[in-house]
Amino acid sequence: MGKKILENRPLPKKHHPKPFRIKKNSNAFIWICILILFCISVYVLRSVLLPFVAGIVLGYLFDPLASRFEKWGLNRTLATILVFVVVIMVAIPTFIMIFSVIDKQLSIFVDVAPVYISSFIKRTEPLLLELHDKFPSLELNALPEMIKNNLTNSLQLGGKLLKSIISNGFALINLLSLLLITPVVAFYMLRDWDTFVKKVDNLLPRKSKNSIREQCKLIDRALSGFIRGQLSVCIILGAYYSIGLHLIGIELGLLIGFLAGLISFIPYVGSISGFLISIILAMAQFGNITKVIEVIAIFVIGQFVEGNFLTPKLVGDNIGLHPVWVMFALLSGGVLLGFLGLMIAVPVAAIIGVVTRYAINNYKKSNLYLEDNS
C-alpha cells in the first residue's frame, strides 16, 4: 500500500536555474566600465602605443587613396603597395629637403639672435624713454639690459635645443620604434581597413546598430574633414608663409614660415605667433616701416585665403569641432600623454563632440526635457 501511494505521488519539479540576462538598465554601466578600462589601458601603455597609433592614423589617412586604386581594378594588397611606393617617393625627398633647410636656418638663428635682440632694443629705446617721461615712477632704465640678457639666453638655448633634436634624429619620440613598427602597422591597417570595419560592424548591438552607424559616419566626416583637410591647409600655409617671408628678405623667413604653417592646426596660434615673430625680426633686421607693412600684408593675405578658400574647401564648415574645443583637447592630450596625446587629441575630441550632440538630441526628446509642470 505504501509503495502504491509513493508511485502515484507526483514527482517534484526540478529546479532549473534561470539563465543570466543583462538588464537594460545595466547596459550604460557596462559601457562606462569598458570606457574606463580602455582609458586606463591607454594611460598605462602610453610609452609603447605611439608607433601603433601613428600606423593607424596613416592607414586612416591613405585609405581613400587605396580605395581609389581599387576602383581602377587593383586588389587591396596591390593598392596598398602602390600607395606605400607613392608615399615613400614623395615623403623621403621632401623630409630631407625640409630638415636640411631647417637645420641651416637654426644655425643662422643661434648666431644672429643676440644681434637681432640688440637691434630691436635700440629701436625701442625712444619708446621706453617716452614712457619714462610720462610715467616717472616706472623704473625703465634697467629694462633694456634685462630683456637683452634674458631673451638672448632663452633664444640661444631654444635654438640649440631644436638643432640638437634634429641632428640627433628626434630621440624624444623614439625614432627607432617609429621607423620599424609604424610602417608595418600602417601597411596592415591600410590593407585590412575594410575588413576591420566590417568585423566591428558585425559586433554592434542589433537594436542600436543603425544609430551607432549614423554616429560613426558623423565622426568619420569630422575626422576626415579636420585631419586630412587641416593637414593640407598646414602644408599650403607653411609653404606660402616661408616663401613670402623669404622673398621680402627676412633672414629667418623659411624657418618662421614653416613653423607658423606647421602649428596652424591649433586655431589662431600658428598665424599669431608667426606674425608677431616676423614683425620683431623685420624691425630688428631692417628698422623701417616698409618691411613691417610687407609682413602684415603677407599674413593678412594668408588669413584671408585660409578663411575664405582653403578651410571651407579642404576642411569644411560642418566638422563640429569648435576652435576652443580643439585647443583644449590638444593641451589636455599633450599634458596627459605627451606626443601620443597630441596625436589622438583631435580624434577623441571629435568622438566626444558627436556623442555629446547625440546625447543632447535624445535629452531634448525625453520626458525629462518635455515634461509640463502645469
Protein backbone atom coordinates (compact mmCIF):
# COMPACT_ATOMS: atom_id res chain seq x y z
CA MET A 1 0.00 0.00 0.00
CA GLY A 2 2.74 2.43 0.91
CA LYS A 3 4.56 1.51 -2.24
CA LYS A 4 1.43 2.29 -4.26
CA ILE A 5 1.00 5.71 -2.67
CA LEU A 6 4.60 6.55 -3.44
CA GLU A 7 4.16 5.52 -7.07
CA ASN A 8 1.04 7.69 -7.53
CA ARG A 9 2.58 10.71 -5.84
CA PRO A 10 3.59 13.40 -8.45
CA LEU A 11 7.30 13.86 -8.82
CA PRO A 12 8.65 17.18 -7.59
CA LYS A 13 9.56 19.66 -10.30
CA LYS A 14 13.23 20.00 -10.93
CA HIS A 15 14.64 23.42 -10.16
CA HIS A 16 16.25 24.86 -13.28
CA PRO A 17 18.50 27.89 -12.68
CA LYS A 18 17.38 30.94 -14.58
CA PRO A 19 19.72 31.98 -17.36
CA PHE A 20 21.73 35.09 -16.67
CA ARG A 21 20.33 38.07 -18.54
CA ILE A 22 21.66 41.56 -18.72
CA LYS A 23 19.04 44.08 -17.78
CA LYS A 24 18.58 47.09 -19.96
CA ASN A 25 19.36 49.38 -17.04
CA SER A 26 22.83 47.82 -16.72
CA ASN A 27 23.86 48.49 -20.33
CA ALA A 28 25.04 52.02 -19.57
CA PHE A 29 27.04 50.74 -16.59
CA ILE A 30 28.76 48.11 -18.77
CA TRP A 31 29.70 50.67 -21.43
CA ILE A 32 31.04 53.03 -18.76
CA CYS A 33 33.18 50.22 -17.30
CA ILE A 34 34.54 49.38 -20.77
CA LEU A 35 35.36 53.05 -21.38
CA ILE A 36 37.14 53.37 -18.02
CA LEU A 37 39.20 50.21 -18.65
CA PHE A 38 40.12 51.47 -22.12
CA CYS A 39 41.29 54.84 -20.77
CA ILE A 40 43.33 53.17 -18.02
CA SER A 41 44.93 50.84 -20.59
CA VAL A 42 45.88 53.74 -22.85
CA TYR A 43 47.44 55.63 -19.95
CA VAL A 44 49.39 52.60 -18.67
CA LEU A 45 50.63 51.63 -22.15
CA ARG A 46 51.25 55.20 -23.38
CA SER A 47 55.01 54.64 -23.70
CA VAL A 48 54.60 51.86 -26.31
CA LEU A 49 51.45 52.96 -28.15
CA LEU A 50 52.96 55.75 -30.25
CA PRO A 51 54.09 53.69 -33.30
CA PHE A 52 50.80 51.77 -33.32
CA VAL A 53 48.69 54.92 -33.14
CA ALA A 54 50.86 56.51 -35.84
CA GLY A 55 50.34 53.44 -38.06
CA ILE A 56 46.55 53.54 -37.54
CA VAL A 57 46.47 57.26 -38.36
CA LEU A 58 48.47 56.69 -41.55
CA GLY A 59 46.16 53.83 -42.53
CA TYR A 60 43.14 56.06 -41.99
CA LEU A 61 44.68 58.97 -43.92
CA PHE A 62 45.56 56.94 -47.01
CA ASP A 63 42.50 54.67 -47.08
CA PRO A 64 40.70 56.86 -49.68
CA LEU A 65 43.74 56.66 -51.99
CA ALA A 66 43.89 52.87 -51.70
CA SER A 67 40.13 52.67 -52.34
CA ARG A 68 40.58 54.74 -55.48
CA PHE A 69 43.27 52.37 -56.76
CA GLU A 70 40.84 49.50 -56.04
CA LYS A 71 38.25 51.16 -58.27
CA TRP A 72 40.84 51.17 -61.05
CA GLY A 73 40.96 47.36 -60.91
CA LEU A 74 43.75 46.58 -58.41
CA ASN A 75 43.18 44.24 -55.47
CA ARG A 76 43.60 45.65 -51.98
CA THR A 77 47.12 44.33 -51.41
CA LEU A 78 48.47 45.75 -54.68
CA ALA A 79 46.66 49.02 -53.99
CA THR A 80 48.29 49.23 -50.56
CA ILE A 81 51.76 48.52 -52.00
CA LEU A 82 51.24 51.19 -54.66
CA VAL A 83 50.18 53.72 -52.00
CA PHE A 84 53.34 52.96 -50.00
CA VAL A 85 55.55 53.38 -53.06
CA VAL A 86 53.97 56.74 -53.91
CA VAL A 87 54.20 58.00 -50.32
CA ILE A 88 57.85 56.94 -49.95
CA MET A 89 58.83 58.53 -53.28
CA VAL A 90 57.25 61.82 -52.21
CA ALA A 91 57.96 61.82 -48.47
CA ILE A 92 61.66 60.94 -48.29
CA PRO A 93 62.98 63.70 -50.62
CA THR A 94 60.56 66.18 -49.04
CA PHE A 95 61.70 65.42 -45.48
CA ILE A 96 65.38 65.53 -46.45
CA MET A 97 64.92 68.93 -48.08
CA ILE A 98 62.84 70.35 -45.22
CA PHE A 99 65.16 69.21 -42.44
CA SER A 100 68.28 70.41 -44.24
CA VAL A 101 66.71 73.86 -44.66
CA ILE A 102 65.57 73.94 -41.03
CA ASP A 103 69.00 72.87 -39.81
CA LYS A 104 70.65 75.73 -41.74
CA GLN A 105 68.05 78.21 -40.51
CA LEU A 106 68.56 77.13 -36.89
CA SER A 107 72.32 77.59 -37.24
CA ILE A 108 71.73 81.12 -38.50
CA PHE A 109 69.21 81.72 -35.72
CA VAL A 110 71.66 80.75 -32.96
CA ASP A 111 74.33 83.09 -34.42
CA VAL A 112 72.21 86.17 -35.16
CA ALA A 113 69.75 86.08 -32.24
CA PRO A 114 71.89 88.34 -29.96
CA VAL A 115 72.41 90.83 -32.80
CA TYR A 116 68.70 90.99 -33.59
CA ILE A 117 67.80 91.42 -29.93
CA SER A 118 70.28 94.29 -29.51
CA SER A 119 68.97 95.95 -32.67
CA PHE A 120 65.36 95.54 -31.55
CA ILE A 121 66.10 97.05 -28.12
CA LYS A 122 67.90 100.03 -29.65
CA ARG A 123 64.93 100.74 -31.87
CA THR A 124 62.52 100.55 -28.94
CA GLU A 125 64.60 102.79 -26.64
CA PRO A 126 62.85 106.01 -27.82
CA LEU A 127 59.51 104.45 -26.91
CA LEU A 128 60.84 103.45 -23.48
CA LEU A 129 62.21 106.97 -22.89
CA GLU A 130 58.86 108.46 -23.83
CA LEU A 131 57.10 106.12 -21.41
CA HIS A 132 59.59 107.10 -18.69
CA ASP A 133 58.87 110.81 -19.26
CA LYS A 134 55.13 110.26 -19.00
CA PHE A 135 55.37 107.84 -16.07
CA PRO A 136 58.45 108.80 -13.98
CA SER A 137 57.59 106.28 -11.28
CA LEU A 138 58.31 103.40 -13.67
CA GLU A 139 61.92 102.21 -13.42
CA LEU A 140 62.63 101.52 -17.09
CA ASN A 141 66.38 102.15 -17.10
CA ALA A 142 67.37 98.57 -16.45
CA LEU A 143 64.62 97.09 -18.63
CA PRO A 144 66.53 97.00 -21.97
CA GLU A 145 69.53 95.22 -20.47
CA MET A 146 67.32 92.76 -18.63
CA ILE A 147 65.35 91.99 -21.81
CA LYS A 148 68.55 91.60 -23.80
CA ASN A 149 70.15 89.17 -21.37
CA ASN A 150 67.07 87.03 -20.79
CA LEU A 151 65.98 86.86 -24.44
CA THR A 152 69.49 86.15 -25.68
CA ASN A 153 69.98 83.25 -23.29
CA SER A 154 66.50 81.86 -23.88
CA LEU A 155 66.63 82.09 -27.67
CA GLN A 156 70.12 80.63 -27.90
CA LEU A 157 69.13 77.76 -25.61
CA GLY A 158 65.93 77.13 -27.59
CA GLY A 159 67.76 77.23 -30.91
CA LYS A 160 70.48 74.84 -29.74
CA LEU A 161 67.83 72.50 -28.33
CA LEU A 162 65.89 72.39 -31.60
CA LYS A 163 69.08 71.92 -33.57
CA SER A 164 70.23 69.06 -31.34
CA ILE A 165 66.84 67.35 -31.63
CA ILE A 166 67.03 67.43 -35.43
CA SER A 167 70.71 66.45 -35.51
CA ASN A 168 70.18 63.54 -33.12
CA GLY A 169 67.26 62.14 -35.09
CA PHE A 170 64.26 63.08 -32.89
CA ALA A 171 65.35 60.91 -29.99
CA LEU A 172 62.49 62.29 -27.90
CA ILE A 173 59.88 60.33 -29.86
CA ASN A 174 61.79 57.05 -30.10
CA LEU A 175 62.70 57.21 -33.77
CA LEU A 176 63.77 53.57 -33.92
CA SER A 177 60.35 52.19 -32.97
CA LEU A 178 58.61 54.64 -35.29
CA LEU A 179 60.77 53.60 -38.24
CA LEU A 180 60.46 49.86 -37.62
CA ILE A 181 56.93 49.39 -36.31
CA THR A 182 54.87 52.22 -37.77
CA PRO A 183 55.26 51.20 -41.46
CA VAL A 184 54.30 47.60 -40.64
CA VAL A 185 51.21 48.66 -38.67
CA ALA A 186 50.26 51.18 -41.36
CA PHE A 187 50.57 48.56 -44.11
CA TYR A 188 48.33 46.01 -42.39
CA MET A 189 45.82 48.64 -41.29
CA LEU A 190 45.61 50.03 -44.81
CA ARG A 191 45.32 46.59 -46.41
CA ASP A 192 42.73 45.27 -43.95
CA TRP A 193 40.86 48.52 -43.23
CA ASP A 194 37.59 47.47 -44.89
CA THR A 195 37.75 44.01 -43.26
CA PHE A 196 38.37 45.59 -39.88
CA VAL A 197 35.39 47.93 -40.32
CA LYS A 198 33.12 45.01 -41.29
CA LYS A 199 34.16 42.98 -38.24
CA VAL A 200 33.47 45.89 -35.91
CA ASP A 201 30.13 46.47 -37.65
CA ASN A 202 29.13 42.83 -37.03
CA LEU A 203 29.78 43.29 -33.30
CA LEU A 204 27.41 46.23 -32.93
CA PRO A 205 24.25 45.68 -30.84
CA ARG A 206 21.40 44.82 -33.21
CA LYS A 207 18.86 47.23 -31.77
CA SER A 208 21.29 50.18 -31.81
CA LYS A 209 23.19 49.27 -34.99
CA ASN A 210 21.63 51.93 -37.24
CA SER A 211 22.04 54.66 -34.65
CA ILE A 212 25.69 53.74 -33.99
CA ARG A 213 26.41 53.63 -37.74
CA GLU A 214 24.97 57.11 -38.15
CA GLN A 215 27.13 58.49 -35.33
CA CYS A 216 30.22 56.75 -36.75
CA LYS A 217 29.57 58.42 -40.11
CA LEU A 218 29.42 61.79 -38.37
CA ILE A 219 32.68 61.03 -36.55
CA ASP A 220 34.35 59.97 -39.81
CA ARG A 221 33.18 63.15 -41.53
CA ALA A 222 34.56 65.28 -38.70
CA LEU A 223 37.88 63.42 -38.63
CA SER A 224 38.39 63.32 -42.38
CA GLY A 225 37.43 66.98 -42.65
CA PHE A 226 39.76 68.08 -39.89
CA ILE A 227 42.75 65.72 -40.16
CA ARG A 228 43.04 65.33 -43.94
CA GLY A 229 41.81 68.85 -44.66
CA GLN A 230 43.78 70.60 -41.93
CA LEU A 231 46.95 68.75 -42.92
CA SER A 232 46.59 70.14 -46.43
CA VAL A 233 45.92 73.63 -45.05
CA CYS A 234 49.04 73.46 -42.85
CA ILE A 235 51.24 72.41 -45.78
CA ILE A 236 49.89 75.15 -48.06
CA LEU A 237 50.17 77.87 -45.40
CA GLY A 238 53.67 76.75 -44.39
CA ALA A 239 54.85 76.94 -47.99
CA TYR A 240 53.15 80.32 -48.52
CA TYR A 241 54.50 81.96 -45.34
CA SER A 242 58.01 80.55 -45.88
CA ILE A 243 58.24 81.72 -49.49
CA GLY A 244 56.60 85.07 -48.76
CA LEU A 245 58.86 85.96 -45.82
CA HIS A 246 61.95 84.74 -47.71
CA LEU A 247 61.12 86.86 -50.75
CA ILE A 248 60.79 90.08 -48.74
CA GLY A 249 64.24 89.41 -47.23
CA ILE A 250 63.51 88.14 -43.71
CA GLU A 251 66.67 86.20 -42.92
CA LEU A 252 64.87 83.51 -40.91
CA GLY A 253 61.74 83.63 -43.05
CA LEU A 254 61.89 79.99 -44.13
CA LEU A 255 62.02 78.74 -40.55
CA ILE A 256 59.37 81.12 -39.18
CA GLY A 257 57.01 80.46 -42.10
CA PHE A 258 57.41 76.70 -41.83
CA LEU A 259 56.70 76.70 -38.09
CA ALA A 260 53.75 79.07 -38.49
CA GLY A 261 52.21 76.73 -41.04
CA LEU A 262 53.07 73.60 -39.06
CA ILE A 263 51.19 74.71 -35.94
CA SER A 264 48.25 76.17 -37.86
CA PHE A 265 46.25 73.09 -36.87
CA ILE A 266 45.96 74.86 -33.48
CA PRO A 267 43.42 77.60 -34.31
CA TYR A 268 44.97 81.09 -34.48
CA VAL A 269 48.15 80.05 -32.65
CA GLY A 270 50.27 79.47 -35.75
CA SER A 271 49.31 82.65 -37.57
CA ILE A 272 49.52 84.92 -34.49
CA SER A 273 52.87 83.58 -33.28
CA GLY A 274 54.36 83.67 -36.78
CA PHE A 275 53.05 87.20 -37.29
CA LEU A 276 54.50 88.57 -34.03
CA ILE A 277 57.91 86.93 -34.52
CA SER A 278 58.09 88.14 -38.13
CA ILE A 279 57.25 91.72 -37.07
CA ILE A 280 60.03 91.66 -34.45
CA LEU A 281 62.53 90.24 -36.95
CA ALA A 282 61.58 92.82 -39.58
CA MET A 283 62.05 95.68 -37.10
CA ALA A 284 65.36 94.26 -35.84
CA GLN A 285 66.77 93.42 -39.28
CA PHE A 286 65.63 96.43 -41.35
CA GLY A 287 64.39 99.06 -38.93
CA ASN A 288 61.92 100.61 -41.37
CA ILE A 289 58.16 100.55 -41.56
CA THR A 290 58.12 99.29 -45.15
CA LYS A 291 59.19 95.75 -44.25
CA VAL A 292 56.76 95.70 -41.33
CA ILE A 293 53.92 96.60 -43.71
CA GLU A 294 55.04 93.84 -46.09
CA VAL A 295 54.95 91.29 -43.24
CA ILE A 296 51.49 92.49 -42.26
CA ALA A 297 50.33 92.14 -45.87
CA ILE A 298 51.67 88.58 -46.13
CA PHE A 299 49.81 87.41 -43.02
CA VAL A 300 46.61 89.32 -43.83
CA ILE A 301 46.50 87.74 -47.29
CA GLY A 302 47.30 84.32 -45.80
CA GLN A 303 44.48 84.59 -43.26
CA PHE A 304 42.04 85.84 -45.91
CA VAL A 305 42.85 82.95 -48.25
CA GLU A 306 42.71 80.42 -45.42
CA GLY A 307 39.38 81.67 -44.03
CA ASN A 308 37.60 82.14 -47.36
CA PHE A 309 39.04 79.45 -49.63
CA LEU A 310 41.33 76.86 -48.00
CA THR A 311 39.38 75.98 -44.85
CA PRO A 312 35.89 75.95 -46.46
CA LYS A 313 37.09 73.84 -49.40
CA LEU A 314 39.55 71.46 -47.70
CA VAL A 315 38.25 71.24 -44.13
CA GLY A 316 34.58 72.12 -44.45
CA ASP A 317 32.28 74.21 -42.33
CA ASN A 318 30.34 71.44 -40.61
CA ILE A 319 33.04 69.35 -38.91
CA GLY A 320 31.57 70.15 -35.49
CA LEU A 321 34.91 70.99 -33.82
CA HIS A 322 34.95 74.44 -32.23
CA PRO A 323 38.41 76.10 -32.17
CA VAL A 324 38.31 76.44 -28.36
CA TRP A 325 37.43 72.73 -28.02
CA VAL A 326 40.34 71.80 -30.33
CA MET A 327 42.81 73.91 -28.33
CA PHE A 328 41.61 72.43 -25.03
CA ALA A 329 41.84 68.88 -26.43
CA LEU A 330 45.39 69.40 -27.73
CA LEU A 331 46.57 70.97 -24.47
CA SER A 332 44.97 68.24 -22.35
CA GLY A 333 46.30 65.45 -24.57
CA GLY A 334 49.81 66.89 -24.52
CA VAL A 335 49.81 67.23 -20.72
CA LEU A 336 48.40 63.75 -20.06
CA LEU A 337 50.07 61.62 -22.75
CA GLY A 338 52.77 63.78 -24.36
CA PHE A 339 53.26 63.40 -28.11
CA LEU A 340 50.83 60.45 -28.17
CA GLY A 341 48.20 62.71 -26.62
CA LEU A 342 48.70 65.30 -29.34
CA MET A 343 48.12 62.63 -31.99
CA ILE A 344 44.87 61.31 -30.52
CA ALA A 345 43.54 64.60 -29.13
CA VAL A 346 41.55 65.65 -32.20
CA PRO A 347 40.03 62.19 -32.88
CA VAL A 348 38.96 61.91 -29.23
CA ALA A 349 37.58 65.46 -29.32
CA ALA A 350 35.59 64.62 -32.47
CA ILE A 351 34.16 61.46 -30.87
CA ILE A 352 33.23 63.28 -27.66
CA GLY A 353 31.63 66.08 -29.69
CA VAL A 354 29.49 63.70 -31.75
CA VAL A 355 28.44 61.64 -28.70
CA THR A 356 27.61 64.80 -26.75
CA ARG A 357 25.41 66.17 -29.54
CA TYR A 358 23.67 62.80 -29.81
CA ALA A 359 23.03 62.78 -26.03
CA ILE A 360 21.69 66.34 -26.13
CA ASN A 361 19.31 65.49 -29.00
CA ASN A 362 17.99 62.46 -27.09
CA TYR A 363 17.62 64.55 -23.95
CA LYS A 364 15.50 67.09 -25.82
CA LYS A 365 13.20 64.27 -26.93
CA SER A 366 12.92 62.78 -23.45
CA ASN A 367 10.16 63.28 -20.87
CA LEU A 368 12.67 64.97 -18.57
CA TYR A 369 13.00 67.85 -21.04
CA LEU A 370 9.42 67.87 -22.36
CA GLU A 371 7.56 67.48 -19.04
CA ASP A 372 5.00 70.16 -18.28
CA ASN A 373 4.85 71.44 -14.73
CA SER A 374 1.25 72.58 -15.21
